Amino acid sequence: MIINILLTFVMISVFSFFLLIFKKFFCPPVFLSFIWILPILFVTFTEIITGGTFVFNEYSLIFPAGVLLFGLGYFLISRKKVIHFKNICFQHRKMSFVFKIFIITEMILIIYFFYDALNYVSSHYLYNIWYSYKWAVSVGNYTDFFAIPYLRTGSIIICCFMFVNFLNRETNRDNIWFFLQIVITFSINIFGQGRGGLFSLIIPLAIIYIFMNRNSKKRNFVFAIITLAFLLFVFIIYANLKDPTNSGTNANSLLLTIENYLCGGCISFTQWAETFSDYEYGLYTFRFVNAVLQGIGFDVNVVSMVEPYVENINGNIGNVYTIYKWYSNDFGLLYALFIQLLLGLFYGYIVQKTFKGKSQFWFIIFAYSFYPLFMQFFNDQYFSNFSIWVQILFWAYLFSKTNLFYIKKEDCSLFRKKKTQI
């Protein structure tokens, strides 16, 4: 138990150090260090309260080490000149006719998707509609038609751009289209992606709101509380949908569910690291490349993204191992730490391009990047989902660099001069 308390103290110290250096909570290293505190603190607290005997092993030291290397990478980009997180604003842009037709097409596709999926589920019903659909997809009995998986990611990025435009609205003329897109995005992600799909929408929208309304700390604080409450609500709902035989509505079951998802990845990884010995030499890091090669006919091995289920703590079963297992599979723990250093450099570059380059393209990438940052204690959302990043860059380019969806004005990106801290 002393190791658990010591690890918690180290993580809190790293968070405090980064907050002292970078000053702002939503600076990526500060935010990441705070996120890593949560599972470690929860394990320590619950084990003390319940009299549990679980103790982190020496491999848990990778958690604070990884955060420190991430912060180092970020600092290497920003050390020469401190990057100020300014109160950001973009001029309102008018929707094009093509964009409106696109949203109508989205709606038609979604209606057909729901009709087809519900028609299948009605004859293969298990517990609830969502569980029936996910089970059919997981065992290969039902497949979404080709546009739906890509539309899930695309609709999130579209929502982000429309939300930026909504916050800078000069008129209410395009509001109905924004709310229609919100309905489309929530619908397709609620039914298909589960918690992850909704989190990948809610978190970027929250970041966009916070960075475009930095004049009011009180308003941002209230908004952050509402966002966290909504994420918890989504978590509870999906806990019941995913495991209908063991409802998460009672306090004990809900606590075990939170413990499993919040702490299970950290515990499963440290247990896996004790017995791991065989390297895959790039099969995990470069899975996307192998998947493309396999798709065009080459006989290559593509590793599964579904990890094996193991028992982690207090009888909980899970198949998540934090960000570190995905890369440790290839070249070991030091390689996984090196990836964190590279990610720190990457985030430093994104922040530079966003706040010094005054780019709406990079602002959307910056906002979305908080989702994989938030998920690091759970699983990897970078190289394992590289195809998602390709789609994000594609949609971000279409919306920010072309006139296809928005009619540009002379100068679409302006920054308010006033600088404030969150």
Foldseek 3Di string as FASTA:
>chain_A
DVQLVVLLVLLVVQLVVCCVVLVFCPQLLNVLSVLLSVLSVLVVVVCVVVVHDDDFDPVLVLSSLLSVLLQVLLCVLQVVDRFFLFQWAWAAFAWDPLQVVVLVVLVVLLVVQCVVLVVVCVVQPDLDSLQSSVVCVVVVNDDGPDVLVLVLLLLLLVLLVVLSNVVNDPDCVCVVVSVSSVVSNCSSCVSPVALLSVLLRLQLSLVSVCSNPVVDPPVNVVSVVVSVVVSVVSQQVSQCVNCVVQHLPDPVSVSVSCSCQSHVQQQVQSVCQVPDDAAPACLLLQLVVQVVVVVVPDDDDRDDPFADWDQGPPRDIDGWHFAQVSQCNHPHRVRSSVVSNVNSNVLSVLSCCVRVVQAPLSSSVNSSVVSQSSCRSTYHDDSNVVVSVVSSNVSSCPVGVDPSTTNDDPGGTDTDPDGDHD
